[in-house]
Protein backbone atom coordinates (compact mmCIF):
# COMPACT_ATOMS: atom_id res chain seq x y z
CA MET A 1 -1.64 -39.00 -9.79
CA LYS A 2 0.03 -35.37 -9.34
CA LEU A 3 -1.05 -32.55 -7.53
CA ARG A 4 -0.28 -29.30 -8.98
CA LEU A 5 -0.43 -25.60 -7.70
CA LEU A 6 -1.13 -23.28 -10.39
CA ALA A 7 -0.37 -20.06 -8.96
CA VAL A 8 -0.30 -16.43 -10.36
CA GLY A 9 2.59 -14.72 -9.08
CA GLN A 10 6.31 -15.18 -10.03
CA LYS A 11 9.60 -14.15 -8.18
CA MET A 12 8.55 -15.00 -4.38
CA PRO A 13 10.46 -13.39 -1.55
CA GLY A 14 12.98 -16.48 -0.22
CA TRP A 15 10.79 -17.07 2.83
CA VAL A 16 8.04 -18.11 0.39
CA GLN A 17 9.77 -20.53 -1.58
CA SER A 18 11.43 -21.93 1.64
CA GLY A 19 8.09 -22.67 3.11
CA TYR A 20 6.43 -23.97 0.11
CA GLU A 21 9.62 -26.10 -0.42
CA GLU A 22 9.56 -27.56 3.15
CA TYR A 23 6.28 -29.04 3.06
CA ALA A 24 6.60 -30.08 -0.77
CA ARG A 25 9.59 -32.14 -0.29
CA ARG A 26 7.77 -34.24 2.52
CA MET A 27 4.85 -35.32 0.04
CA PRO A 28 5.54 -39.14 -0.74
CA PRO A 29 6.60 -39.45 -4.47
CA HIS A 30 3.28 -40.74 -5.46
CA LEU A 31 1.38 -37.45 -4.34
CA ALA A 32 4.32 -35.18 -5.44
CA LEU A 33 3.40 -31.53 -5.45
CA GLU A 34 4.43 -29.42 -8.46
CA LEU A 35 4.08 -25.65 -8.44
CA ILE A 36 3.70 -24.10 -11.77
CA GLU A 37 3.87 -20.33 -11.25
CA ILE A 38 1.69 -17.74 -13.80
CA ALA A 39 2.89 -14.70 -15.02
CA PRO A 40 0.56 -11.93 -13.51
CA GLY A 41 -1.49 -9.84 -15.85
CA ARG A 42 -0.23 -6.29 -16.11
CA ARG A 43 -1.32 -3.81 -13.52
CA GLY A 44 -0.49 -0.72 -12.67
CA ARG A 45 -1.98 2.95 -12.89
CA ASN A 46 -4.88 2.97 -14.61
CA ALA A 47 -4.61 -0.62 -15.87
CA ASP A 48 -7.27 -2.54 -17.45
CA VAL A 49 -7.96 -5.02 -14.53
CA ALA A 50 -10.41 -6.87 -17.14
CA ARG A 51 -7.49 -7.24 -19.41
CA ALA A 52 -4.95 -8.53 -17.17
CA MET A 53 -7.48 -11.14 -15.59
CA GLN A 54 -8.21 -12.57 -18.92
CA SER A 55 -4.24 -12.82 -19.48
CA GLU A 56 -3.82 -14.57 -16.38
CA ARG A 57 -7.12 -17.01 -17.37
CA ASP A 58 -5.39 -17.73 -20.67
CA THR A 59 -2.51 -19.17 -19.22
CA LEU A 60 -4.25 -20.76 -15.95
CA LEU A 61 -6.10 -22.68 -18.36
CA SER A 62 -3.76 -23.56 -21.01
CA HIS A 63 -1.99 -25.55 -17.95
CA CYS A 64 -4.91 -27.21 -16.84
CA PRO A 65 -6.11 -29.92 -19.52
CA GLY A 66 -9.57 -31.03 -19.34
CA GLY A 67 -8.73 -34.79 -18.05
CA HIS A 68 -7.56 -32.83 -14.80
CA CYS A 69 -9.31 -32.48 -11.85
CA ALA A 70 -9.44 -28.68 -11.19
CA ILE A 71 -9.94 -27.02 -7.55
CA ALA A 72 -10.35 -23.25 -7.34
CA LEU A 73 -9.17 -21.51 -4.38
CA ASP A 74 -11.77 -19.06 -4.02
CA VAL A 75 -12.84 -16.89 -0.58
CA ARG A 76 -16.22 -17.52 -1.82
CA GLY A 77 -15.67 -21.25 -2.23
CA LYS A 78 -16.90 -23.96 0.64
CA PRO A 79 -14.27 -24.03 3.74
CA TRP A 80 -13.18 -27.95 4.18
CA PRO A 81 -11.91 -28.71 7.56
CA THR A 82 -8.45 -30.69 7.62
CA GLU A 83 -10.49 -33.90 7.88
CA ALA A 84 -12.41 -33.25 4.86
CA LEU A 85 -9.47 -32.31 2.82
CA ALA A 86 -7.97 -35.78 3.77
CA ALA A 87 -11.09 -37.20 2.55
CA ASN A 88 -11.17 -35.14 -0.72
CA LEU A 89 -7.32 -36.11 -1.13
CA ALA A 90 -8.61 -39.86 -0.54
CA ASP A 91 -10.85 -39.19 -3.14
CA TRP A 92 -8.76 -37.60 -5.67
CA MET A 93 -6.20 -40.77 -5.26
CA GLN A 94 -8.94 -43.17 -5.80
CA ASP A 95 -9.75 -41.35 -9.00
CA GLY A 96 -6.28 -41.31 -10.38
CA ARG A 97 -6.60 -38.12 -12.31
CA ASN A 98 -4.13 -35.13 -11.89
CA VAL A 99 -5.32 -32.81 -9.35
CA ASP A 100 -4.67 -29.04 -10.48
CA LEU A 101 -5.22 -26.24 -7.62
CA LEU A 102 -6.08 -22.63 -9.18
CA ILE A 103 -4.57 -19.91 -7.36
CA GLY A 104 -5.64 -16.35 -8.60
CA GLY A 105 -3.90 -13.06 -8.92
CA PRO A 106 -4.74 -9.91 -7.00
CA ASP A 107 -7.98 -9.71 -8.28
CA GLY A 108 -9.14 -13.52 -7.68
CA LEU A 109 -9.80 -16.20 -10.44
CA HIS A 110 -11.48 -15.07 -13.93
CA PRO A 111 -15.01 -16.00 -13.89
CA ASP A 112 -14.03 -18.95 -16.60
CA CYS A 113 -11.25 -20.73 -14.14
CA LEU A 114 -14.12 -20.70 -11.46
CA ALA A 115 -16.59 -22.34 -14.17
CA ARG A 116 -13.67 -24.54 -15.14
CA ALA A 117 -13.03 -25.70 -11.60
CA GLU A 118 -14.71 -28.85 -10.26
CA ARG A 119 -15.04 -27.57 -6.74
CA ARG A 120 -14.15 -24.12 -4.69
CA TRP A 121 -12.23 -24.23 -2.31
CA SER A 122 -12.03 -21.52 0.60
CA LEU A 123 -9.10 -21.11 3.35
CA GLY A 124 -11.64 -19.44 5.44
CA PRO A 125 -12.70 -15.97 5.92
CA LEU A 126 -9.55 -14.08 6.00
CA THR A 127 -7.80 -12.16 3.12
CA LEU A 128 -4.63 -14.04 3.03
CA PRO A 129 -1.57 -12.59 0.67
CA HIS A 130 -1.17 -14.85 -2.29
CA PRO A 131 2.53 -15.87 -1.39
CA LEU A 132 1.18 -17.04 1.93
CA VAL A 133 -1.58 -19.36 0.11
CA ARG A 134 1.22 -21.08 -1.11
CA ILE A 135 2.60 -22.21 2.25
CA VAL A 136 -0.96 -22.76 3.97
CA LEU A 137 -1.95 -24.99 0.86
CA ALA A 138 1.32 -27.07 0.99
CA GLU A 139 1.18 -27.76 4.72
CA GLN A 140 -2.40 -28.36 4.63
CA LEU A 141 -1.96 -30.99 1.61
CA TYR A 142 0.84 -32.48 3.61
CA ARG A 143 -1.06 -32.45 6.96
CA ALA A 144 -3.97 -34.31 4.86
CA TRP A 145 -1.87 -36.81 3.53
CA THR A 146 -0.43 -37.48 7.18
CA ILE A 147 -4.13 -38.33 8.48
CA LEU A 148 -4.51 -40.65 5.58
CA ASP A 149 -1.08 -42.35 6.31
CA GLY A 150 -1.67 -42.60 10.03
CA HIS A 151 1.33 -40.66 10.65
CA PRO A 152 1.43 -38.69 14.23
CA TYR A 153 1.88 -35.28 12.44
CA HIS A 154 -1.90 -33.88 12.81
CA ARG A 155 -2.79 -34.02 16.61
CA ALA A 156 -6.45 -32.53 16.39
């Protein structure tokens, strides 16, 4: 089973790459965390946001085959306490399919991406910058794995 972050946005600052890699490298080999960066749709003055989101949709869905479990990161999704994430991770491991976590661009995920997802997950009511979401997501997946493994990292 693979965990993949399909994230709209490229050329992140060094601190984002470093933070993400810190937690991704801690994951065990059987739960390797892979980042796939998706080029954002063109935005700017008088840009067609719908067209930009369609471009992002096309690329995201092309990287998310039907046999994978897709989870959409969406502010309107259900928040999962860390222990619930650990339970979900255990279920995903039992299921054996690859899991694709979809992170949208500045305008969120296209409705077709939300429809493709089996579940919608909210990291909470705060609006987080998309680069920071990568780090938070990687840390939370690592934390969930440590709970399942009985590792002392999680002390809540």
